[in-house]
Amino acid sequence: LNPEDTAIYYCATTNGRYQVIVGLTATQNYAYWG
């Protein structure tokens, strides 16, 4: 770890199941957040 890793870390999951692997890096594609 380095100082640039300092942040609040969130986990999230998608609404749908068995979705095509696409857009995994976009926050808007995750429906539920901690």
PDB file of all heavy atoms in Angstrom:
ATOM      1  N   LEU A   1       0.823  -1.202   0.000  1.00  0.00           N
ATOM      2  CA  LEU A   1       0.000   0.000   0.000  1.00  0.00           C
ATOM      3  C   LEU A   1       0.862   1.259   0.000  1.00  0.00           C
ATOM      4  O   LEU A   1       1.947   1.289   0.582  1.00  0.00           O
ATOM      5  CB  LEU A   1      -0.920   0.005   1.217  1.00  0.00           C
ATOM      6  CG  LEU A   1      -2.074  -0.998   1.151  1.00  0.00           C
ATOM      7  CD1 LEU A   1      -2.684  -1.194   2.535  1.00  0.00           C
ATOM      8  CD2 LEU A   1      -3.133  -0.519   0.161  1.00  0.00           C
ATOM      9  N   ASN A   2       0.364   2.266  -0.657  1.00  0.00           N
ATOM     10  CA  ASN A   2       1.026   3.560  -0.688  1.00  0.00           C
ATOM     11  C   ASN A   2       0.011   4.645  -0.370  1.00  0.00           C
ATOM     12  O   ASN A   2      -1.198   4.394  -0.377  1.00  0.00           O
ATOM     13  CB  ASN A   2       1.712   3.795  -2.045  1.00  0.00           C
ATOM     14  CG  ASN A   2       0.745   3.749  -3.213  1.00  0.00           C
ATOM     15  OD1 ASN A   2      -0.153   4.574  -3.314  1.00  0.00           O
ATOM     16  ND2 ASN A   2       0.942   2.791  -4.110  1.00  0.00           N
ATOM     17  N   PRO A   3       0.475   5.847  -0.070  1.00  0.00           N
ATOM     18  CA  PRO A   3      -0.465   6.916   0.308  1.00  0.00           C
ATOM     19  C   PRO A   3      -1.540   7.189  -0.738  1.00  0.00           C
ATOM     20  O   PRO A   3      -2.634   7.645  -0.388  1.00  0.00           O
ATOM     21  CB  PRO A   3       0.454   8.130   0.486  1.00  0.00           C
ATOM     22  CG  PRO A   3       1.745   7.535   0.935  1.00  0.00           C
ATOM     23  CD  PRO A   3       1.871   6.261   0.121  1.00  0.00           C
ATOM     24  N   GLU A   4      -1.255   6.919  -1.998  1.00  0.00           N
ATOM     25  CA  GLU A   4      -2.242   7.129  -3.055  1.00  0.00           C
ATOM     26  C   GLU A   4      -3.415   6.166  -2.949  1.00  0.00           C
ATOM     27  O   GLU A   4      -4.441   6.359  -3.611  1.00  0.00           O
ATOM     28  CB  GLU A   4      -1.589   7.005  -4.434  1.00  0.00           C
ATOM     29  CG  GLU A   4      -0.694   8.178  -4.823  1.00  0.00           C
ATOM     30  CD  GLU A   4       0.581   8.242  -4.001  1.00  0.00           C
ATOM     31  OE1 GLU A   4       1.231   7.178  -3.812  1.00  0.00           O
ATOM     32  OE2 GLU A   4       0.945   9.339  -3.550  1.00  0.00           O
ATOM     33  N   ASP A   5      -3.281   5.138  -2.135  1.00  0.00           N
ATOM     34  CA  ASP A   5      -4.368   4.191  -1.925  1.00  0.00           C
ATOM     35  C   ASP A   5      -5.339   4.664  -0.852  1.00  0.00           C
ATOM     36  O   ASP A   5      -6.365   4.017  -0.615  1.00  0.00           O
ATOM     37  CB  ASP A   5      -3.820   2.816  -1.542  1.00  0.00           C
ATOM     38  CG  ASP A   5      -2.995   2.186  -2.651  1.00  0.00           C
ATOM     39  OD1 ASP A   5      -3.435   2.236  -3.818  1.00  0.00           O
ATOM     40  OD2 ASP A   5      -1.917   1.644  -2.349  1.00  0.00           O
ATOM     41  N   THR A   6      -5.020   5.746  -0.201  1.00  0.00           N
ATOM     42  CA  THR A   6      -5.886   6.277   0.845  1.00  0.00           C
ATOM     43  C   THR A   6      -7.225   6.707   0.261  1.00  0.00           C
ATOM     44  O   THR A   6      -7.278   7.522  -0.660  1.00  0.00           O
ATOM     45  CB  THR A   6      -5.223   7.467   1.549  1.00  0.00           C
ATOM     46  OG1 THR A   6      -4.052   7.022   2.231  1.00  0.00           O
ATOM     47  CG2 THR A   6      -6.174   8.093   2.564  1.00  0.00           C
ATOM     48  N   ALA A   7      -8.289   6.156   0.790  1.00  0.00           N
ATOM     49  CA  ALA A   7      -9.625   6.437   0.281  1.00  0.00           C
ATOM     50  C   ALA A   7     -10.641   5.660   1.098  1.00  0.00           C
ATOM     51  O   ALA A   7     -10.291   4.818   1.921  1.00  0.00           O
ATOM     52  CB  ALA A   7      -9.737   6.042  -1.195  1.00  0.00           C
ATOM     53  N   ILE A   8     -11.892   5.970   0.852  1.00  0.00           N
ATOM     54  CA  ILE A   8     -12.959   5.125   1.348  1.00  0.00           C
ATOM     55  C   ILE A   8     -13.209   4.068   0.286  1.00  0.00           C
ATOM     56  O   ILE A   8     -13.387   4.393  -0.888  1.00  0.00           O
ATOM     57  CB  ILE A   8     -14.253   5.917   1.614  1.00  0.00           C
ATOM     58  CG1 ILE A   8     -14.008   6.990   2.665  1.00  0.00           C
ATOM     59  CG2 ILE A   8     -15.358   4.980   2.075  1.00  0.00           C
ATOM     60  CD1 ILE A   8     -15.204   7.889   2.920  1.00  0.00           C
ATOM     61  N   TYR A   9     -13.200   2.832   0.699  1.00  0.00           N
ATOM     62  CA  TYR A   9     -13.380   1.723  -0.223  1.00  0.00           C
ATOM     63  C   TYR A   9     -14.793   1.175  -0.115  1.00  0.00           C
ATOM     64  O   TYR A   9     -15.277   0.888   0.985  1.00  0.00           O
ATOM     65  CB  TYR A   9     -12.364   0.617   0.064  1.00  0.00           C
ATOM     66  CG  TYR A   9     -10.985   0.943  -0.443  1.00  0.00           C
ATOM     67  CD1 TYR A   9     -10.220   1.935   0.156  1.00  0.00           C
ATOM     68  CD2 TYR A   9     -10.447   0.266  -1.541  1.00  0.00           C
ATOM     69  CE1 TYR A   9      -8.962   2.252  -0.321  1.00  0.00           C
ATOM     70  CE2 TYR A   9      -9.185   0.576  -2.016  1.00  0.00           C
ATOM     71  CZ  TYR A   9      -8.450   1.567  -1.404  1.00  0.00           C
ATOM     72  OH  TYR A   9      -7.193   1.878  -1.880  1.00  0.00           O
ATOM     73  N   TYR A  10     -15.428   1.033  -1.263  1.00  0.00           N
ATOM     74  CA  TYR A  10     -16.797   0.560  -1.338  1.00  0.00           C
ATOM     75  C   TYR A  10     -16.872  -0.733  -2.139  1.00  0.00           C
ATOM     76  O   TYR A  10     -16.175  -0.881  -3.140  1.00  0.00           O
ATOM     77  CB  TYR A  10     -17.698   1.575  -2.036  1.00  0.00           C
ATOM     78  CG  TYR A  10     -17.760   2.942  -1.401  1.00  0.00           C
ATOM     79  CD1 TYR A  10     -16.841   3.926  -1.752  1.00  0.00           C
ATOM     80  CD2 TYR A  10     -18.744   3.254  -0.478  1.00  0.00           C
ATOM     81  CE1 TYR A  10     -16.902   5.190  -1.183  1.00  0.00           C
ATOM     82  CE2 TYR A  10     -18.816   4.505   0.093  1.00  0.00           C
ATOM     83  CZ  TYR A  10     -17.894   5.473  -0.263  1.00  0.00           C
ATOM     84  OH  TYR A  10     -17.959   6.722   0.293  1.00  0.00           O
ATOM     85  N   CYS A  11     -17.712  -1.631  -1.708  1.00  0.00           N
ATOM     86  CA  CYS A  11     -18.026  -2.773  -2.544  1.00  0.00           C
ATOM     87  C   CYS A  11     -19.404  -2.558  -3.141  1.00  0.00           C
ATOM     88  O   CYS A  11     -20.247  -1.853  -2.582  1.00  0.00           O
ATOM     89  CB  CYS A  11     -17.950  -4.102  -1.780  1.00  0.00           C
ATOM     90  SG  CYS A  11     -19.224  -4.376  -0.525  1.00  0.00           S
ATOM     91  N   ALA A  12     -19.622  -3.150  -4.282  1.00  0.00           N
ATOM     92  CA  ALA A  12     -20.878  -2.963  -4.989  1.00  0.00           C
ATOM     93  C   ALA A  12     -21.172  -4.188  -5.832  1.00  0.00           C
ATOM     94  O   ALA A  12     -20.267  -4.921  -6.226  1.00  0.00           O
ATOM     95  CB  ALA A  12     -20.806  -1.719  -5.876  1.00  0.00           C
ATOM     96  N   THR A  13     -22.447  -4.378  -6.116  1.00  0.00           N
ATOM     97  CA  THR A  13     -22.835  -5.498  -6.949  1.00  0.00           C
ATOM     98  C   THR A  13     -23.932  -5.081  -7.906  1.00  0.00           C
ATOM     99  O   THR A  13     -24.650  -4.106  -7.675  1.00  0.00           O
ATOM    100  CB  THR A  13     -23.276  -6.704  -6.090  1.00  0.00           C
ATOM    101  OG1 THR A  13     -23.372  -7.872  -6.907  1.00  0.00           O
ATOM    102  CG2 THR A  13     -24.634  -6.445  -5.441  1.00  0.00           C
ATOM    103  N   THR A  14     -24.045  -5.811  -8.986  1.00  0.00           N
ATOM    104  CA  THR A  14     -25.010  -5.481 -10.026  1.00  0.00           C
ATOM    105  C   THR A  14     -26.404  -5.960  -9.667  1.00  0.00           C
ATOM    106  O   THR A  14     -26.585  -6.862  -8.850  1.00  0.00           O
ATOM    107  CB  THR A  14     -24.598  -6.113 -11.364  1.00  0.00           C
ATOM    108  OG1 THR A  14     -24.394  -7.522 -11.188  1.00  0.00           O
ATOM    109  CG2 THR A  14     -23.299  -5.498 -11.870  1.00  0.00           C
ATOM    110  N   ASN A  15     -27.389  -5.342 -10.294  1.00  0.00           N
ATOM    111  CA  ASN A  15     -28.777  -5.738 -10.070  1.00  0.00           C
ATOM    112  C   ASN A  15     -29.102  -7.048 -10.770  1.00  0.00           C
ATOM    113  O   ASN A  15     -29.731  -7.936 -10.188  1.00  0.00           O
ATOM    114  CB  ASN A  15     -29.719  -4.630 -10.548  1.00  0.00           C
ATOM    115  CG  ASN A  15     -31.183  -5.018 -10.419  1.00  0.00           C
ATOM    116  OD1 ASN A  15     -31.837  -5.364 -11.393  1.00  0.00           O
ATOM    117  ND2 ASN A  15     -31.681  -4.961  -9.181  1.00  0.00           N
ATOM    118  N   GLY A  16     -28.684  -7.154 -11.999  1.00  0.00           N
ATOM    119  CA  GLY A  16     -28.990  -8.333 -12.779  1.00  0.00           C
ATOM    120  C   GLY A  16     -28.033  -9.472 -12.499  1.00  0.00           C
ATOM    121  O   GLY A  16     -26.948  -9.288 -11.949  1.00  0.00           O
ATOM    122  N   ARG A  17     -28.441 -10.645 -12.869  1.00  0.00           N
ATOM    123  CA  ARG A  17     -27.617 -11.827 -12.721  1.00  0.00           C
ATOM    124  C   ARG A  17     -27.212 -12.353 -14.091  1.00  0.00           C
ATOM    125  O   ARG A  17     -27.936 -12.197 -15.076  1.00  0.00           O
ATOM    126  CB  ARG A  17     -28.359 -12.918 -11.950  1.00  0.00           C
ATOM    127  CG  ARG A  17     -28.770 -12.529 -10.544  1.00  0.00           C
ATOM    128  CD  ARG A  17     -29.397 -13.713  -9.822  1.00  0.00           C
ATOM    129  NE  ARG A  17     -28.401 -14.730  -9.474  1.00  0.00           N
ATOM    130  CZ  ARG A  17     -28.694 -15.977  -9.129  1.00  0.00           C
ATOM    131  NH1 ARG A  17     -29.966 -16.366  -9.104  1.00  0.00           N
ATOM    132  NH2 ARG A  17     -27.740 -16.824  -8.811  1.00  0.00           N
ATOM    133  N   TYR A  18     -26.053 -12.952 -14.114  1.00  0.00           N
ATOM    134  CA  TYR A  18     -25.517 -13.576 -15.316  1.00  0.00           C
ATOM    135  C   TYR A  18     -25.462 -12.606 -16.493  1.00  0.00           C
ATOM    136  O   TYR A  18     -25.812 -12.950 -17.622  1.00  0.00           O
ATOM    137  CB  TYR A  18     -26.319 -14.827 -15.662  1.00  0.00           C
ATOM    138  CG  TYR A  18     -26.382 -15.807 -14.521  1.00  0.00           C
ATOM    139  CD1 TYR A  18     -27.562 -16.010 -13.807  1.00  0.00           C
ATOM    140  CD2 TYR A  18     -25.247 -16.512 -14.137  1.00  0.00           C
ATOM    141  CE1 TYR A  18     -27.601 -16.897 -12.737  1.00  0.00           C
ATOM    142  CE2 TYR A  18     -25.285 -17.399 -13.070  1.00  0.00           C
ATOM    143  CZ  TYR A  18     -26.465 -17.585 -12.378  1.00  0.00           C
ATOM    144  OH  TYR A  18     -26.502 -18.465 -11.318  1.00  0.00           O
ATOM    145  N   GLN A  19     -25.023 -11.409 -16.204  1.00  0.00           N
ATOM    146  CA  GLN A  19     -24.916 -10.389 -17.228  1.00  0.00           C
ATOM    147  C   GLN A  19     -23.670 -10.596 -18.075  1.00  0.00           C
ATOM    148  O   GLN A  19     -22.689 -11.201 -17.637  1.00  0.00           O
ATOM    149  CB  GLN A  19     -24.881  -8.994 -16.607  1.00  0.00           C
ATOM    150  CG  GLN A  19     -26.164  -8.585 -15.906  1.00  0.00           C
ATOM    151  CD  GLN A  19     -26.066  -7.206 -15.299  1.00  0.00           C
ATOM    152  OE1 GLN A  19     -25.051  -6.841 -14.706  1.00  0.00           O
ATOM    153  NE2 GLN A  19     -27.129  -6.419 -15.456  1.00  0.00           N
ATOM    154  N   VAL A  20     -23.733 -10.072 -19.274  1.00  0.00           N
ATOM    155  CA  VAL A  20     -22.568 -10.079 -20.143  1.00  0.00           C
ATOM    156  C   VAL A  20     -21.474  -9.252 -19.484  1.00  0.00           C
ATOM    157  O   VAL A  20     -21.751  -8.226 -18.860  1.00  0.00           O
ATOM    158  CB  VAL A  20     -22.905  -9.503 -21.525  1.00  0.00           C
ATOM    159  CG1 VAL A  20     -21.655  -9.384 -22.391  1.00  0.00           C
ATOM    160  CG2 VAL A  20     -23.939 -10.375 -22.218  1.00  0.00           C
ATOM    161  N   ILE A  21     -20.246  -9.686 -19.610  1.00  0.00           N
ATOM    162  CA  ILE A  21     -19.121  -8.975 -19.012  1.00  0.00           C
ATOM    163  C   ILE A  21     -18.846  -7.715 -19.820  1.00  0.00           C
ATOM    164  O   ILE A  21     -18.179  -7.752 -20.854  1.00  0.00           O
ATOM    165  CB  ILE A  21     -17.868  -9.857 -18.950  1.00  0.00           C
ATOM    166  CG1 ILE A  21     -18.162 -11.141 -18.171  1.00  0.00           C
ATOM    167  CG2 ILE A  21     -16.712  -9.086 -18.316  1.00  0.00           C
ATOM    168  CD1 ILE A  21     -17.019 -12.131 -18.183  1.00  0.00           C
ATOM    169  N   VAL A  22     -19.362  -6.617 -19.308  1.00  0.00           N
ATOM    170  CA  VAL A  22     -19.172  -5.333 -19.960  1.00  0.00           C
ATOM    171  C   VAL A  22     -19.430  -4.233 -18.947  1.00  0.00           C
ATOM    172  O   VAL A  22     -20.290  -4.366 -18.068  1.00  0.00           O
ATOM    173  CB  VAL A  22     -20.117  -5.177 -21.172  1.00  0.00           C
ATOM    174  CG1 VAL A  22     -21.579  -5.201 -20.731  1.00  0.00           C
ATOM    175  CG2 VAL A  22     -19.814  -3.907 -21.943  1.00  0.00           C
ATOM    176  N   GLY A  23     -18.673  -3.152 -19.051  1.00  0.00           N
ATOM    177  CA  GLY A  23     -18.884  -2.007 -18.181  1.00  0.00           C
ATOM    178  C   GLY A  23     -18.594  -2.237 -16.718  1.00  0.00           C
ATOM    179  O   GLY A  23     -19.178  -1.570 -15.858  1.00  0.00           O
ATOM    180  N   LEU A  24     -17.704  -3.153 -16.407  1.00  0.00           N
ATOM    181  CA  LEU A  24     -17.425  -3.484 -15.018  1.00  0.00           C
ATOM    182  C   LEU A  24     -16.715  -2.378 -14.254  1.00  0.00           C
ATOM    183  O   LEU A  24     -16.685  -2.406 -13.026  1.00  0.00           O
ATOM    184  CB  LEU A  24     -16.598  -4.762 -14.937  1.00  0.00           C
ATOM    185  CG  LEU A  24     -17.292  -6.044 -15.410  1.00  0.00           C
ATOM    186  CD1 LEU A  24     -16.320  -7.210 -15.365  1.00  0.00           C
ATOM    187  CD2 LEU A  24     -18.520  -6.337 -14.564  1.00  0.00           C
ATOM    188  N   THR A  25     -16.138  -1.434 -14.966  1.00  0.00           N
ATOM    189  CA  THR A  25     -15.407  -0.366 -14.305  1.00  0.00           C
ATOM    190  C   THR A  25     -16.261   0.859 -14.029  1.00  0.00           C
ATOM    191  O   THR A  25     -15.780   1.812 -13.408  1.00  0.00           O
ATOM    192  CB  THR A  25     -14.193   0.065 -15.145  1.00  0.00           C
ATOM    193  OG1 THR A  25     -14.642   0.656 -16.373  1.00  0.00           O
ATOM    194  CG2 THR A  25     -13.304  -1.130 -15.462  1.00  0.00           C
ATOM    195  N   ALA A  26     -17.496   0.858 -14.470  1.00  0.00           N
ATOM    196  CA  ALA A  26     -18.364   2.022 -14.353  1.00  0.00           C
ATOM    197  C   ALA A  26     -19.263   1.919 -13.133  1.00  0.00           C
ATOM    198  O   ALA A  26     -19.980   0.935 -12.954  1.00  0.00           O
ATOM    199  CB  ALA A  26     -19.206   2.192 -15.609  1.00  0.00           C
ATOM    200  N   THR A  27     -19.249   2.951 -12.317  1.00  0.00           N
ATOM    201  CA  THR A  27     -20.058   2.945 -11.105  1.00  0.00           C
ATOM    202  C   THR A  27     -21.547   2.811 -11.400  1.00  0.00           C
ATOM    203  O   THR A  27     -22.280   2.188 -10.631  1.00  0.00           O
ATOM    204  CB  THR A  27     -19.826   4.218 -10.280  1.00  0.00           C
ATOM    205  OG1 THR A  27     -20.162   5.363 -11.070  1.00  0.00           O
ATOM    206  CG2 THR A  27     -18.372   4.314  -9.843  1.00  0.00           C
ATOM    207  N   GLN A  28     -21.986   3.388 -12.519  1.00  0.00           N
ATOM    208  CA  GLN A  28     -23.403   3.382 -12.835  1.00  0.00           C
ATOM    209  C   GLN A  28     -23.949   2.003 -13.167  1.00  0.00           C
ATOM    210  O   GLN A  28     -25.161   1.811 -13.243  1.00  0.00           O
ATOM    211  CB  GLN A  28     -23.710   4.358 -13.990  1.00  0.00           C
ATOM    212  CG  GLN A  28     -22.830   4.166 -15.212  1.00  0.00           C
ATOM    213  CD  GLN A  28     -21.642   5.109 -15.209  1.00  0.00           C
ATOM    214  OE1 GLN A  28     -20.894   5.160 -14.247  1.00  0.00           O
ATOM    215  NE2 GLN A  28     -21.478   5.848 -16.300  1.00  0.00           N
ATOM    216  N   ASN A  29     -23.084   1.049 -13.369  1.00  0.00           N
ATOM    217  CA  ASN A  29     -23.518  -0.304 -13.682  1.00  0.00           C
ATOM    218  C   ASN A  29     -23.707  -1.176 -12.447  1.00  0.00           C
ATOM    219  O   ASN A  29     -24.033  -2.358 -12.576  1.00  0.00           O
ATOM    220  CB  ASN A  29     -22.540  -0.967 -14.649  1.00  0.00           C
ATOM    221  CG  ASN A  29     -22.594  -0.341 -16.034  1.00  0.00           C
ATOM    222  OD1 ASN A  29     -23.639   0.140 -16.466  1.00  0.00           O
ATOM    223  ND2 ASN A  29     -21.469  -0.346 -16.737  1.00  0.00           N
ATOM    224  N   TYR A  30     -23.513  -0.593 -11.292  1.00  0.00           N
ATOM    225  CA  TYR A  30     -23.710  -1.302 -10.034  1.00  0.00           C
ATOM    226  C   TYR A  30     -24.891  -0.696  -9.291  1.00  0.00           C
ATOM    227  O   TYR A  30     -24.958   0.519  -9.092  1.00  0.00           O
ATOM    228  CB  TYR A  30     -22.448  -1.243  -9.176  1.00  0.00           C
ATOM    229  CG  TYR A  30     -21.285  -1.987  -9.778  1.00  0.00           C
ATOM    230  CD1 TYR A  30     -20.490  -1.399 -10.749  1.00  0.00           C
ATOM    231  CD2 TYR A  30     -20.995  -3.284  -9.371  1.00  0.00           C
ATOM    232  CE1 TYR A  30     -19.429  -2.089 -11.313  1.00  0.00           C
ATOM    233  CE2 TYR A  30     -19.928  -3.975  -9.928  1.00  0.00           C
ATOM    234  CZ  TYR A  30     -19.149  -3.371 -10.899  1.00  0.00           C
ATOM    235  OH  TYR A  30     -18.084  -4.060 -11.452  1.00  0.00           O
ATOM    236  N   ALA A  31     -25.796  -1.536  -8.881  1.00  0.00           N
ATOM    237  CA  ALA A  31     -27.032  -1.068  -8.270  1.00  0.00           C
ATOM    238  C   ALA A  31     -26.962  -0.956  -6.752  1.00  0.00           C
ATOM    239  O   ALA A  31     -27.619  -0.092  -6.158  1.00  0.00           O
ATOM    240  CB  ALA A  31     -28.189  -1.983  -8.660  1.00  0.00           C
ATOM    241  N   TYR A  32     -26.187  -1.811  -6.130  1.00  0.00           N
ATOM    242  CA  TYR A  32     -26.145  -1.865  -4.679  1.00  0.00           C
ATOM    243  C   TYR A  32     -24.749  -1.578  -4.168  1.00  0.00           C
ATOM    244  O   TYR A  32     -23.770  -2.141  -4.664  1.00  0.00           O
ATOM    245  CB  TYR A  32     -26.627  -3.233  -4.187  1.00  0.00           C
ATOM    246  CG  TYR A  32     -28.011  -3.575  -4.672  1.00  0.00           C
ATOM    247  CD1 TYR A  32     -28.202  -4.494  -5.695  1.00  0.00           C
ATOM    248  CD2 TYR A  32     -29.129  -2.965  -4.112  1.00  0.00           C
ATOM    249  CE1 TYR A  32     -29.472  -4.798  -6.152  1.00  0.00           C
ATOM    250  CE2 TYR A  32     -30.400  -3.264  -4.568  1.00  0.00           C
ATOM    251  CZ  TYR A  32     -30.565  -4.180  -5.586  1.00  0.00           C
ATOM    252  OH  TYR A  32     -31.827  -4.476  -6.039  1.00  0.00           O
ATOM    253  N   TRP A  33     -24.689  -0.732  -3.152  1.00  0.00           N
ATOM    254  CA  TRP A  33     -23.421  -0.272  -2.606  1.00  0.00           C
ATOM    255  C   TRP A  33     -23.400  -0.375  -1.095  1.00  0.00           C
ATOM    256  O   TRP A  33     -24.418  -0.186  -0.429  1.00  0.00           O
ATOM    257  CB  TRP A  33     -23.172   1.185  -2.996  1.00  0.00           C
ATOM    258  CG  TRP A  33     -22.979   1.393  -4.456  1.00  0.00           C
ATOM    259  CD1 TRP A  33     -23.943   1.457  -5.413  1.00  0.00           C
ATOM    260  CD2 TRP A  33     -21.736   1.562  -5.131  1.00  0.00           C
ATOM    261  NE1 TRP A  33     -23.377   1.659  -6.652  1.00  0.00           N
ATOM    262  CE2 TRP A  33     -22.027   1.724  -6.501  1.00  0.00           C
ATOM    263  CE3 TRP A  33     -20.401   1.594  -4.711  1.00  0.00           C
ATOM    264  CZ2 TRP A  33     -21.022   1.918  -7.456  1.00  0.00           C
ATOM    265  CZ3 TRP A  33     -19.405   1.785  -5.647  1.00  0.00           C
ATOM    266  CH2 TRP A  33     -19.723   1.950  -7.005  1.00  0.00           C
ATOM    267  N   GLY A  34     -22.224  -0.643  -0.573  1.00  0.00           N
ATOM    268  CA  GLY A  34     -22.040  -0.598   0.860  1.00  0.00           C
ATOM    269  C   GLY A  34     -21.757   0.816   1.314  1.00  0.00           C
ATOM    270  O   GLY A  34     -21.675   1.751   0.510  1.00  0.00           O
TER     271      GLY A  34
END
